[in-house]
Amino acid sequence: MKKVFGMGASIALAVSVLVTGCSKTPEASPSAAASVAPAATTAAPTPETQKPVTLKFWGGVPPESGPQDAVDAWNKANPTIKVEYTRYVNDDPGNLKLETALLSNTDAPDIYMNYGDAYMTKRQAAGMAEPLDDLIAKAGFDVEGIIGAANIKKFADSKYYYLPANKNVGAVLFNMKALDAAGEKLPTAWTWDDFSAMATKLNKGDMKGTMLDPALSWFGDTVLQTAKAQDWVIAADGTSNFNSPAVKKGLEMQKSLEDKGIMMKYSEAVAGKITVQNELLTSKAAMSASAIYIIRYIKDIKSFPHDFKVGFAPYPQFTAGSNINPGGGMGDYMSINKNSKNKEAAFKFISWYLQEGNMSMVPGGRIPTNKKADAGKIASILIGDAKDLIDEASLKALLAGNYTFPTSYNVPVPTELRAIFKDEMEKYLLGAQSIDKAIETMKTRADTTIKGAKK
């Protein structure tokens, strides 16, 4: 299960992580997924599906980047269960729009994607999601055989409220021309100290050594994930983990890189609404910690014209020898609106999507969670005819890696903890408080919030 407030999505990886549905991203090439739309299997008629129904499906990916191909294939084979796809932007206003729609009596989605644990937990607690266990049993959907039960959270009532559709893989993406000019090689195992040193070497002229999309990730959080993959914001005693040395290291690294001009200052990045794809593919930054969903933008040379290859490296680690992938994990959590009048029809679509339909998402870098999906075909689709833009050897090595993905199954009040972290982090990065004061305040506020939630 994906992060409370790490890489994305959203970014998703994403991979969805992911991820990360992509937050604030320009639309991908209309032809990106056209060649891999699956042929849908016709759903067997039931009393519910004999009468034609229309299902509304909301997700964060632009329709032309895969979702519309999947929906079109389904609709062609299943005329009595029509699906309509609506894109919502995976940012704060977009998620509020989704939640408002879920509570509406008109035009509410039947099926929707959640991007991250915090949103899923919030919507389950608010009664916006239907428990899926009875629908799973009735449809004969093999959770273990298709996805793996260990990869899906069961909530306090021991029920499923989502099924993940995307397996993202996080990566540090490199402008290979810049890397070669600096006389460096792609890292295969490295630490955050190595990352900082690499960013410094790659910083040249108008090209920053590295960057972050502040809507998707923060170094303080990402470094913490590489120190403690499971429930990383919670310490062993149940209090917050915001006084971890990893938080301090990540925050200090980010401020140091900003102060030295090696990455854009946080305030400028927020105001400019910068994205990984724009900064990397327009040569404004030489490398970025992100996920393989960026492949869809690498291949979109119309929107992002460039003549260099992009290489892929695993994430740096807090402790040398670890292999934690904070940009990756399970994502694109598919849920059914508790107020939907067509739950069985909705689950029929979800079952098909998870076993066939989401192959149309592969060109955009979204890897199906189906364990039986053809890995060779996935790799070929990802690269396609872009061998002059994608470093094939490093991508295949990345995909072949055996990673530990961060999970946050047992984090209380995740939305509140994220807000506290962001608030104190911003004060530090903007020079309003020292690192020690930021961590002390962050820890105190978070512990008080956790304690209050347990009453």
Protein backbone atom coordinates (compact mmCIF):
# COMPACT_ATOMS: atom_id res chain seq x y z
CA MET A 1 0.00 0.00 0.00
CA LYS A 2 1.31 3.39 -0.83
CA LYS A 3 2.58 6.34 1.19
CA VAL A 4 0.82 8.61 3.66
CA PHE A 5 2.48 11.64 2.12
CA GLY A 6 5.42 10.63 0.06
CA MET A 7 6.18 10.41 -3.61
CA GLY A 8 3.24 10.28 -5.80
CA ALA A 9 1.02 10.75 -7.05
CA SER A 10 -0.56 10.60 -6.09
CA ILE A 11 3.04 10.66 -7.62
CA ALA A 12 2.02 6.65 -8.06
CA LEU A 13 5.22 5.45 -8.13
CA ALA A 14 4.24 6.34 -9.52
CA VAL A 15 5.91 3.92 -10.24
CA SER A 16 2.19 5.57 -8.12
CA VAL A 17 3.60 5.34 -5.88
CA LEU A 18 3.69 6.71 -7.39
CA VAL A 19 2.21 7.93 -7.07
CA THR A 20 1.98 8.60 -8.28
CA GLY A 21 -2.58 9.49 -10.90
CA CYS A 22 -0.33 12.27 -11.77
CA SER A 23 -0.74 15.56 -9.93
CA LYS A 24 -0.83 18.78 -11.96
CA THR A 25 0.51 17.13 -15.09
CA PRO A 26 -0.01 18.14 -18.70
CA GLU A 27 -1.92 15.74 -20.85
CA ALA A 28 -0.02 12.93 -22.53
CA SER A 29 0.14 12.17 -26.22
CA PRO A 30 -3.25 11.05 -27.53
CA SER A 31 -1.69 8.07 -29.30
CA ALA A 32 0.36 6.88 -26.33
CA ALA A 33 -1.80 3.87 -25.45
CA ALA A 34 -3.71 3.28 -28.64
CA SER A 35 -1.88 0.13 -29.67
CA VAL A 36 -2.37 -1.85 -26.48
CA ALA A 37 -6.04 -1.48 -25.64
CA PRO A 38 -7.19 -4.93 -24.50
CA ALA A 39 -10.14 -6.81 -25.90
CA ALA A 40 -12.73 -6.88 -23.16
CA THR A 41 -14.40 -10.04 -21.98
CA THR A 42 -18.16 -9.83 -21.99
CA ALA A 43 -19.67 -9.90 -18.50
CA ALA A 44 -22.11 -12.71 -17.86
CA PRO A 45 -25.69 -11.41 -17.56
CA THR A 46 -27.18 -11.13 -14.07
CA PRO A 47 -30.46 -9.62 -12.93
CA GLU A 48 -28.55 -6.40 -12.27
CA THR A 49 -26.83 -6.23 -15.65
CA GLN A 50 -29.74 -7.36 -17.84
CA LYS A 51 -31.10 -3.84 -17.59
CA PRO A 52 -28.64 -1.42 -19.19
CA VAL A 53 -26.78 0.72 -16.68
CA THR A 54 -24.23 3.50 -16.95
CA LEU A 55 -21.31 3.55 -14.53
CA LYS A 56 -19.36 6.71 -13.81
CA PHE A 57 -15.64 6.08 -13.30
CA TRP A 58 -13.37 8.84 -11.93
CA GLY A 59 -9.57 8.76 -12.02
CA GLY A 60 -6.59 11.08 -12.02
CA VAL A 61 -4.98 10.07 -15.32
CA PRO A 62 -5.82 12.00 -18.51
CA PRO A 63 -8.27 9.91 -20.59
CA GLU A 64 -5.99 9.80 -23.63
CA SER A 65 -3.18 8.29 -21.53
CA GLY A 66 -4.90 4.91 -21.22
CA PRO A 67 -8.19 5.11 -19.31
CA GLN A 68 -10.30 5.92 -22.37
CA ASP A 69 -8.86 2.99 -24.35
CA ALA A 70 -9.74 0.66 -21.49
CA VAL A 71 -13.26 2.06 -21.18
CA ASP A 72 -13.81 1.88 -24.96
CA ALA A 73 -12.73 -1.76 -25.03
CA TRP A 74 -15.08 -2.59 -22.17
CA ASN A 75 -18.03 -0.75 -23.67
CA LYS A 76 -17.59 -2.48 -27.01
CA ALA A 77 -17.86 -5.91 -25.39
CA ASN A 78 -20.39 -5.04 -22.70
CA PRO A 79 -23.25 -2.99 -24.16
CA THR A 80 -25.47 -3.43 -21.11
CA ILE A 81 -22.91 -1.95 -18.71
CA LYS A 82 -21.66 1.33 -20.13
CA VAL A 83 -18.75 3.04 -18.41
CA GLU A 84 -18.03 6.78 -18.65
CA TYR A 85 -14.60 8.05 -17.57
CA THR A 86 -14.05 11.42 -15.91
CA ARG A 87 -10.64 12.76 -15.03
CA TYR A 88 -10.10 14.66 -11.77
CA VAL A 89 -6.75 16.29 -11.05
CA ASN A 90 -4.92 14.57 -8.20
CA ASP A 91 -4.24 17.66 -6.10
CA ASP A 92 -6.02 19.15 -3.09
CA PRO A 93 -8.79 20.93 -5.08
CA GLY A 94 -9.25 17.87 -7.30
CA ASN A 95 -9.60 15.49 -4.37
CA LEU A 96 -12.07 17.84 -2.73
CA LYS A 97 -14.06 17.84 -5.97
CA LEU A 98 -14.11 14.02 -5.95
CA GLU A 99 -15.22 13.83 -2.31
CA THR A 100 -17.95 16.40 -2.90
CA ALA A 101 -19.18 14.32 -5.84
CA LEU A 102 -19.14 11.13 -3.76
CA LEU A 103 -21.52 12.75 -1.28
CA SER A 104 -23.78 14.09 -4.00
CA ASN A 105 -27.10 12.57 -4.95
CA THR A 106 -26.58 13.49 -8.60
CA ASP A 107 -23.74 12.73 -10.97
CA ALA A 108 -21.81 10.82 -8.30
CA PRO A 109 -19.10 8.38 -9.46
CA ASP A 110 -19.78 4.68 -9.03
CA ILE A 111 -16.11 3.74 -9.27
CA TYR A 112 -13.18 5.93 -8.34
CA MET A 113 -9.42 5.84 -7.94
CA ASN A 114 -7.70 6.81 -4.69
CA TYR A 115 -4.07 7.92 -4.79
CA GLY A 116 -2.40 7.19 -1.46
CA ASP A 117 -3.23 5.82 1.96
CA ALA A 118 -4.29 9.13 3.43
CA TYR A 119 -7.12 9.66 0.96
CA MET A 120 -8.19 6.02 1.14
CA THR A 121 -8.25 6.02 4.94
CA LYS A 122 -10.16 9.29 5.06
CA ARG A 123 -12.81 8.12 2.57
CA GLN A 124 -13.27 4.76 4.24
CA ALA A 125 -13.77 6.45 7.61
CA ALA A 126 -16.22 8.91 6.06
CA GLY A 127 -18.37 6.13 4.62
CA MET A 128 -17.55 6.96 1.00
CA ALA A 129 -16.40 3.44 0.08
CA GLU A 130 -18.31 0.16 -0.15
CA PRO A 131 -16.77 -2.92 1.52
CA LEU A 132 -15.82 -5.25 -1.31
CA ASP A 133 -15.65 -8.65 0.36
CA ASP A 134 -19.15 -9.85 -0.59
CA LEU A 135 -18.71 -8.60 -4.15
CA ILE A 136 -15.33 -10.34 -4.37
CA ALA A 137 -16.83 -13.61 -3.17
CA LYS A 138 -19.84 -13.39 -5.46
CA ALA A 139 -17.67 -12.67 -8.50
CA GLY A 140 -15.14 -15.38 -7.59
CA PHE A 141 -12.29 -12.86 -7.79
CA ASP A 142 -9.04 -14.50 -6.61
CA VAL A 143 -7.38 -11.72 -4.61
CA GLU A 144 -4.35 -13.82 -3.67
CA GLY A 145 -3.83 -15.31 -7.11
CA ILE A 146 -4.27 -12.05 -9.02
CA ILE A 147 -2.75 -9.38 -6.74
CA GLY A 148 -1.57 -10.97 -3.50
CA ALA A 149 -3.47 -10.37 -0.28
CA ALA A 150 -0.37 -9.05 1.52
CA ASN A 151 -0.35 -6.07 -0.84
CA ILE A 152 -3.81 -4.85 0.20
CA LYS A 153 -4.85 -3.37 3.50
CA LYS A 154 -7.79 -4.74 5.39
CA PHE A 155 -9.34 -2.13 7.62
CA ALA A 156 -10.37 -2.43 11.27
CA ASP A 157 -13.48 -4.39 10.32
CA SER A 158 -11.25 -6.89 8.45
CA LYS A 159 -12.73 -5.91 5.09
CA TYR A 160 -11.36 -4.69 1.77
CA TYR A 161 -12.41 -1.23 0.61
CA TYR A 162 -10.19 -1.04 -2.46
CA LEU A 163 -8.17 -3.16 -4.86
CA PRO A 164 -4.91 -1.74 -6.26
CA ALA A 165 -4.58 -1.46 -10.03
CA ASN A 166 -1.05 -0.08 -10.38
CA LYS A 167 2.34 -1.30 -9.18
CA ASN A 168 4.68 1.64 -9.39
CA VAL A 169 8.46 1.55 -9.24
CA GLY A 170 10.28 4.60 -7.99
CA ALA A 171 13.46 5.77 -9.66
CA VAL A 172 15.92 8.61 -9.85
CA LEU A 173 15.72 9.82 -13.44
CA PHE A 174 18.82 11.23 -15.15
CA ASN A 175 19.50 13.38 -18.16
CA MET A 176 22.12 11.04 -19.64
CA LYS A 177 23.77 13.82 -21.66
CA ALA A 178 24.35 15.80 -18.46
CA LEU A 179 25.56 12.69 -16.65
CA ASP A 180 28.07 11.90 -19.41
CA ALA A 181 29.28 15.52 -19.49
CA ALA A 182 30.01 15.32 -15.76
CA GLY A 183 31.98 12.11 -16.31
CA GLU A 184 29.65 10.13 -14.06
CA LYS A 185 27.97 6.73 -14.38
CA LEU A 186 24.45 5.74 -13.39
CA PRO A 187 24.44 4.63 -9.73
CA THR A 188 23.31 1.10 -8.98
CA ALA A 189 23.54 1.31 -5.17
CA TRP A 190 24.00 4.58 -3.33
CA THR A 191 23.20 6.67 -0.25
CA TRP A 192 21.68 10.11 0.22
CA ASP A 193 25.17 11.53 0.73
CA ASP A 194 26.02 10.17 -2.71
CA PHE A 195 22.86 11.75 -4.08
CA SER A 196 23.78 15.16 -2.71
CA ALA A 197 27.30 14.86 -4.12
CA MET A 198 25.93 13.83 -7.52
CA ALA A 199 23.53 16.79 -7.59
CA THR A 200 26.43 19.10 -6.89
CA LYS A 201 28.45 17.65 -9.77
CA LEU A 202 25.53 17.88 -12.20
CA ASN A 203 24.72 21.50 -11.33
CA LYS A 204 25.93 23.56 -14.29
CA GLY A 205 24.83 26.87 -15.74
CA ASP A 206 21.06 27.09 -16.06
CA MET A 207 20.64 23.38 -15.29
CA LYS A 208 20.05 22.62 -11.62
CA GLY A 209 21.59 19.47 -10.20
CA THR A 210 18.23 18.18 -8.99
CA MET A 211 14.62 19.15 -8.25
CA LEU A 212 11.45 18.11 -6.45
CA ASP A 213 7.81 18.71 -7.26
CA PRO A 214 6.69 20.08 -3.85
CA ALA A 215 3.13 18.91 -4.46
CA LEU A 216 4.36 15.30 -4.61
CA SER A 217 7.34 14.86 -2.29
CA TRP A 218 9.67 16.35 0.29
CA PHE A 219 13.17 15.09 1.06
CA GLY A 220 12.55 14.96 4.81
CA ASP A 221 9.75 12.46 4.25
CA THR A 222 11.46 10.51 1.48
CA VAL A 223 14.70 10.00 3.42
CA LEU A 224 12.62 8.85 6.41
CA GLN A 225 10.96 6.20 4.28
CA THR A 226 14.36 4.77 3.33
CA ALA A 227 15.18 4.50 7.04
CA LYS A 228 11.90 2.86 8.14
CA ALA A 229 9.73 1.37 5.43
CA GLN A 230 6.78 0.26 7.55
CA ASP A 231 4.63 3.01 9.05
CA TRP A 232 7.58 5.37 8.77
CA VAL A 233 5.94 8.36 10.49
CA ILE A 234 5.24 6.30 13.63
CA ALA A 235 7.92 5.23 16.13
CA ALA A 236 8.01 1.85 17.85
CA ASP A 237 6.32 3.31 20.96
CA GLY A 238 3.36 4.61 18.94
CA THR A 239 4.39 8.26 19.03
CA SER A 240 5.44 10.20 15.96
CA ASN A 241 8.76 9.44 14.29
CA PHE A 242 9.43 13.03 13.30
CA ASN A 243 12.50 13.25 15.56
CA SER A 244 14.21 10.47 13.58
CA PRO A 245 17.73 11.35 12.39
CA ALA A 246 16.47 10.58 8.89
CA VAL A 247 14.01 13.50 9.01
CA LYS A 248 16.76 15.88 10.05
CA LYS A 249 19.07 14.55 7.34
CA GLY A 250 16.46 14.95 4.61
CA LEU A 251 15.42 18.45 5.65
CA GLU A 252 18.99 19.66 6.03
CA MET A 253 19.96 18.15 2.68
CA GLN A 254 17.10 19.92 0.92
CA LYS A 255 17.86 23.30 2.50
CA SER A 256 21.56 22.96 1.77
CA LEU A 257 20.91 22.15 -1.90
CA GLU A 258 18.50 25.08 -2.14
CA ASP A 259 20.86 27.52 -0.41
CA LYS A 260 23.71 26.52 -2.75
CA GLY A 261 21.53 26.99 -5.83
CA ILE A 262 21.70 23.29 -6.70
CA MET A 263 17.91 22.99 -6.62
CA MET A 264 15.12 25.53 -6.89
CA LYS A 265 14.05 27.05 -3.59
CA TYR A 266 10.88 25.59 -2.13
CA SER A 267 8.93 28.84 -2.27
CA GLU A 268 9.77 29.32 -5.95
CA ALA A 269 8.91 25.70 -6.76
CA VAL A 270 5.50 26.05 -5.09
CA ALA A 271 4.75 29.35 -6.79
CA GLY A 272 5.90 28.04 -10.17
CA LYS A 273 3.95 24.78 -9.80
CA ILE A 274 6.93 22.94 -11.25
CA THR A 275 6.68 19.31 -12.36
CA VAL A 276 9.29 16.59 -12.77
CA GLN A 277 8.56 16.15 -16.46
CA ASN A 278 8.93 19.83 -17.29
CA GLU A 279 12.11 20.44 -15.29
CA LEU A 280 13.85 17.23 -16.40
CA LEU A 281 12.81 17.15 -20.06
CA THR A 282 13.48 20.84 -20.69
CA SER A 283 16.98 20.51 -19.20
CA LYS A 284 16.21 22.72 -16.21
CA ALA A 285 17.27 19.91 -13.87
CA ALA A 286 19.73 17.07 -14.46
CA MET A 287 18.11 14.46 -12.21
CA SER A 288 15.00 13.96 -10.12
CA ALA A 289 13.77 11.41 -7.61
CA SER A 290 10.45 10.32 -9.08
CA ALA A 291 8.97 7.16 -10.62
CA ILE A 292 8.61 5.42 -13.97
CA TYR A 293 5.25 7.02 -14.75
CA ILE A 294 7.38 9.84 -16.18
CA ILE A 295 8.02 7.55 -19.16
CA ARG A 296 4.81 8.75 -20.75
CA TYR A 297 6.22 12.28 -20.83
CA ILE A 298 9.65 11.15 -22.01
CA LYS A 299 7.95 9.64 -25.06
CA ASP A 300 5.75 12.71 -25.63
CA ILE A 301 8.26 14.70 -27.67
CA LYS A 302 5.52 16.95 -29.01
CA SER A 303 4.87 18.40 -25.57
CA PHE A 304 8.44 17.92 -24.32
CA PRO A 305 10.87 18.08 -27.24
CA HIS A 306 14.32 16.81 -26.23
CA ASP A 307 17.17 14.88 -27.81
CA PHE A 308 18.76 13.11 -24.83
CA LYS A 309 18.16 9.73 -23.25
CA VAL A 310 16.74 9.40 -19.76
CA GLY A 311 18.42 6.84 -17.51
CA PHE A 312 17.07 5.18 -14.37
CA ALA A 313 18.69 4.45 -11.02
CA PRO A 314 17.26 3.00 -7.79
CA TYR A 315 16.54 5.30 -4.89
CA PRO A 316 19.38 6.33 -2.57
CA GLN A 317 19.29 4.69 0.85
CA PHE A 318 19.60 6.02 4.39
CA THR A 319 21.65 2.95 5.30
CA ALA A 320 24.00 1.51 2.69
CA GLY A 321 22.91 -1.95 1.56
CA SER A 322 19.17 -1.37 1.96
CA ASN A 323 16.84 -1.53 -1.04
CA ILE A 324 13.74 0.45 -0.06
CA ASN A 325 11.77 1.96 -2.93
CA PRO A 326 9.90 5.03 -1.61
CA GLY A 327 8.71 6.09 -5.04
CA GLY A 328 7.00 2.76 -5.60
CA GLY A 329 4.47 0.31 -4.26
CA MET A 330 0.84 -0.48 -4.89
CA GLY A 331 -1.34 2.37 -6.07
CA ASP A 332 -4.41 3.38 -8.05
CA TYR A 333 -6.75 2.03 -5.39
CA MET A 334 -10.09 1.21 -7.02
CA SER A 335 -13.12 1.71 -4.80
CA ILE A 336 -16.88 1.61 -5.23
CA ASN A 337 -19.00 4.48 -3.96
CA LYS A 338 -21.07 3.25 -1.04
CA ASN A 339 -24.06 5.11 -2.48
CA SER A 340 -23.77 3.52 -5.93
CA LYS A 341 -26.95 1.78 -7.11
CA ASN A 342 -24.99 -0.54 -9.40
CA LYS A 343 -22.37 -2.14 -7.16
CA GLU A 344 -22.32 -5.57 -8.82
CA ALA A 345 -21.94 -4.05 -12.27
CA ALA A 346 -19.21 -1.77 -10.90
CA PHE A 347 -17.28 -4.73 -9.53
CA LYS A 348 -17.58 -6.60 -12.83
CA PHE A 349 -15.77 -3.70 -14.47
CA ILE A 350 -13.15 -3.56 -11.70
CA SER A 351 -12.51 -7.32 -12.01
CA TRP A 352 -12.00 -7.00 -15.76
CA TYR A 353 -9.87 -3.87 -15.42
CA LEU A 354 -7.52 -5.53 -12.92
CA GLN A 355 -7.05 -8.63 -15.10
CA GLU A 356 -7.14 -7.16 -18.60
CA GLY A 357 -8.12 -3.52 -18.93
CA ASN A 358 -5.22 -1.81 -17.23
CA MET A 359 -2.71 -3.10 -19.80
CA SER A 360 -3.74 0.05 -21.65
CA MET A 361 -2.06 2.06 -18.87
CA VAL A 362 1.39 0.53 -19.43
CA PRO A 363 2.60 3.06 -22.04
CA GLY A 364 2.26 5.75 -19.40
CA GLY A 365 4.40 3.81 -16.95
CA ARG A 366 1.64 2.24 -14.85
CA ILE A 367 2.40 -1.43 -14.25
CA PRO A 368 -0.57 -3.78 -13.69
CA THR A 369 -0.78 -5.41 -10.27
CA ASN A 370 -1.89 -8.67 -11.90
CA LYS A 371 0.80 -11.23 -11.08
CA LYS A 372 0.00 -13.06 -14.31
CA ALA A 373 0.61 -10.03 -16.54
CA ASP A 374 3.22 -10.63 -19.25
CA ALA A 375 6.37 -8.95 -17.92
CA GLY A 376 8.15 -9.11 -21.28
CA LYS A 377 5.25 -7.44 -23.02
CA ILE A 378 5.13 -4.76 -20.34
CA ALA A 379 8.81 -3.91 -20.83
CA SER A 380 8.41 -3.78 -24.60
CA ILE A 381 5.37 -1.52 -24.36
CA LEU A 382 7.12 0.83 -21.93
CA ILE A 383 10.04 1.37 -24.27
CA GLY A 384 8.12 1.09 -27.55
CA ASP A 385 9.86 2.96 -30.34
CA ALA A 386 11.60 5.34 -27.91
CA LYS A 387 14.92 3.54 -27.65
CA ASP A 388 16.63 6.80 -28.59
CA LEU A 389 14.98 8.50 -25.58
CA ILE A 390 15.08 5.77 -22.92
CA ASP A 391 18.18 4.01 -21.61
CA GLU A 392 16.97 0.45 -22.07
CA ALA A 393 19.57 -1.31 -19.92
CA SER A 394 18.98 0.85 -16.85
CA LEU A 395 15.18 0.59 -17.17
CA LYS A 396 15.28 -3.20 -17.39
CA ALA A 397 17.67 -3.36 -14.42
CA LEU A 398 15.35 -1.15 -12.41
CA LEU A 399 12.29 -3.26 -13.21
CA ALA A 400 14.17 -6.44 -12.28
CA GLY A 401 15.02 -5.12 -8.81
CA ASN A 402 13.76 -6.77 -5.63
CA TYR A 403 12.48 -3.91 -3.49
CA THR A 404 10.89 -3.27 -0.14
CA PHE A 405 8.02 -0.86 -0.69
CA PRO A 406 7.04 1.50 2.14
CA THR A 407 3.63 0.85 3.66
CA SER A 408 1.52 2.82 6.11
CA TYR A 409 -1.18 0.45 7.22
CA ASN A 410 -1.26 1.54 10.87
CA VAL A 411 -0.79 5.31 10.77
CA PRO A 412 -3.45 7.22 12.75
CA VAL A 413 -4.72 10.59 11.51
CA PRO A 414 -2.49 10.58 8.42
CA THR A 415 -3.95 13.75 6.94
CA GLU A 416 -3.30 15.69 10.13
CA LEU A 417 0.25 14.35 10.46
CA ARG A 418 0.98 15.32 6.86
CA ALA A 419 -0.25 18.85 7.51
CA ILE A 420 1.92 19.18 10.63
CA PHE A 421 5.01 17.92 8.81
CA LYS A 422 4.43 20.29 5.91
CA ASP A 423 3.77 23.29 8.15
CA GLU A 424 6.96 22.95 10.21
CA MET A 425 9.04 21.92 7.20
CA GLU A 426 7.99 25.05 5.33
CA LYS A 427 8.93 27.29 8.25
CA TYR A 428 12.39 25.71 8.28
CA LEU A 429 12.93 25.87 4.52
CA LEU A 430 11.78 29.51 4.46
CA GLY A 431 14.19 30.43 7.26
CA ALA A 432 11.53 31.12 9.88
CA GLN A 433 12.90 28.57 12.37
CA SER A 434 15.98 26.41 12.97
CA ILE A 435 16.16 22.73 12.13
CA ASP A 436 16.10 21.77 15.83
CA LYS A 437 13.06 23.97 16.50
CA ALA A 438 11.29 22.56 13.42
CA ILE A 439 11.81 18.97 14.53
CA GLU A 440 10.93 19.69 18.17
CA THR A 441 7.69 21.44 17.22
CA MET A 442 6.85 18.86 14.58
CA LYS A 443 7.31 16.04 17.09
CA THR A 444 5.33 17.76 19.87
CA ARG A 445 2.40 18.69 17.65
CA ALA A 446 2.26 15.24 16.05
CA ASP A 447 2.40 13.41 19.39
CA THR A 448 -0.43 15.56 20.75
CA THR A 449 -2.52 14.86 17.65
CA ILE A 450 -1.91 11.11 17.87
CA LYS A 451 -2.76 11.09 21.56
CA GLY A 452 -5.98 12.97 20.92
CA ALA A 453 -7.00 10.53 18.21
CA LYS A 454 -6.67 7.60 20.62
CA LYS A 455 -9.14 9.04 23.15
